């Protein structure tokens, strides 16, 4: 038996409809971008620290410099990306569907 995994793109607005405990794959470049924006534009230090903590935790899951996506819970995605989910590029979020062949 072999296992085949396919990654399917998820529009950002569909993330809001998913359950908080579901896992999605997030483009690492978007995490870095949002971290830079959070550091510059969130004036409330407590909120900024909360957002950056979630983003750093996600980046610690990166094993090699060739990985493009990192797993995050939907709850963490909502915290880390805020209300801009529907404005993110198409290739930001993916979910992995595992099927037996």
Protein backbone atom coordinates (compact mmCIF):
# COMPACT_ATOMS: atom_id res chain seq x y z
CA UNK A 1 0.00 0.00 0.00
CA UNK A 2 1.31 3.44 -0.86
CA UNK A 3 0.07 6.74 0.42
CA UNK A 4 -0.36 9.64 -1.94
CA UNK A 5 -0.77 13.17 -0.65
CA UNK A 6 -2.09 16.05 -2.68
CA UNK A 7 -2.10 19.65 -1.62
CA UNK A 8 -5.16 21.66 -2.52
CA UNK A 9 -5.29 25.43 -2.29
CA UNK A 10 -7.77 27.04 0.07
CA UNK A 11 -8.99 30.59 -0.46
CA UNK A 12 -8.37 32.77 2.59
CA UNK A 13 -12.06 33.50 3.15
CA UNK A 14 -12.73 29.74 3.46
CA UNK A 15 -10.37 29.55 6.44
CA UNK A 16 -12.88 31.49 8.54
CA UNK A 17 -15.44 28.71 7.99
CA UNK A 18 -13.17 25.90 9.18
CA UNK A 19 -13.00 24.58 12.74
CA UNK A 20 -10.24 26.02 14.94
CA UNK A 21 -8.51 22.66 15.48
CA UNK A 22 -8.15 21.83 11.77
CA UNK A 23 -4.64 21.90 10.32
CA UNK A 24 -3.80 23.84 7.16
CA UNK A 25 -0.49 24.41 5.44
CA UNK A 26 0.65 28.03 5.26
CA UNK A 27 3.14 29.56 2.84
CA UNK A 28 6.23 30.49 4.85
CA UNK A 29 6.79 33.69 2.89
CA UNK A 30 3.36 34.97 3.98
CA UNK A 31 4.25 34.31 7.62
CA UNK A 32 7.45 36.34 7.31
CA UNK A 33 5.53 39.13 5.57
CA UNK A 34 2.84 39.26 8.24
CA UNK A 35 5.42 39.16 11.01
CA UNK A 36 7.16 42.21 9.56
CA UNK A 37 3.83 44.03 9.26
CA UNK A 38 2.85 43.12 12.81
CA UNK A 39 6.14 44.43 14.20
CA UNK A 40 5.65 47.74 12.41
CA UNK A 41 1.94 48.40 12.58
CA UNK A 42 0.42 46.86 15.74
CA UNK A 43 0.81 49.52 18.39
CA UNK A 44 -0.65 47.50 21.29
CA UNK A 45 2.36 45.60 22.64
CA UNK A 46 0.31 42.76 24.14
CA UNK A 47 -1.53 42.11 20.87
CA UNK A 48 1.68 42.41 18.84
CA UNK A 49 3.47 39.89 21.08
CA UNK A 50 0.54 37.47 20.78
CA UNK A 51 0.60 37.63 16.97
CA UNK A 52 4.38 37.36 16.67
CA UNK A 53 4.47 34.45 19.14
CA UNK A 54 2.06 32.45 16.96
CA UNK A 55 4.07 33.25 13.84
CA UNK A 56 7.40 32.31 15.45
CA UNK A 57 5.96 29.05 16.74
CA UNK A 58 4.91 28.19 13.18
CA UNK A 59 8.35 29.02 11.81
CA UNK A 60 10.04 26.71 14.32
CA UNK A 61 8.30 23.81 12.57
CA UNK A 62 10.33 24.41 9.41
CA UNK A 63 12.84 21.58 9.09
CA UNK A 64 14.76 22.59 5.94
CA UNK A 65 15.25 25.77 3.97
CA UNK A 66 13.53 24.15 0.98
CA UNK A 67 10.13 23.82 2.64
CA UNK A 68 7.51 26.21 1.32
CA UNK A 69 4.62 25.39 3.66
CA UNK A 70 4.31 24.87 7.39
CA UNK A 71 1.37 23.31 9.28
CA UNK A 72 -0.73 25.61 11.47
CA UNK A 73 -4.08 25.24 13.19
CA UNK A 74 -6.91 27.38 11.88
CA UNK A 75 -7.04 29.09 15.27
CA UNK A 76 -3.38 30.13 14.93
CA UNK A 77 -3.96 31.27 11.36
CA UNK A 78 -6.79 33.53 12.52
CA UNK A 79 -4.53 35.03 15.20
CA UNK A 80 -1.47 35.34 12.98
CA UNK A 81 -3.18 36.78 9.91
CA UNK A 82 -6.08 38.68 11.44
CA UNK A 83 -8.98 39.88 9.35
CA UNK A 84 -6.99 40.07 6.09
CA UNK A 85 -7.50 36.42 5.20
CA UNK A 86 -9.65 37.17 2.17
CA UNK A 87 -7.05 39.59 0.75
CA UNK A 88 -4.11 37.18 0.77
CA UNK A 89 -2.71 35.67 -2.46
CA UNK A 90 -4.21 32.46 -3.78
CA UNK A 91 -1.24 30.25 -2.86
CA UNK A 92 -1.12 31.21 0.83
CA UNK A 93 -3.12 28.31 2.30
CA UNK A 94 -3.36 24.66 1.38
CA UNK A 95 -4.70 21.54 2.97
CA UNK A 96 -3.25 18.12 2.48
CA UNK A 97 -5.52 15.31 1.47
CA UNK A 98 -4.02 11.89 2.11
CA UNK A 99 -5.36 9.03 0.04
CA UNK A 100 -4.43 5.36 -0.19
CA UNK A 101 -3.43 4.14 -3.60
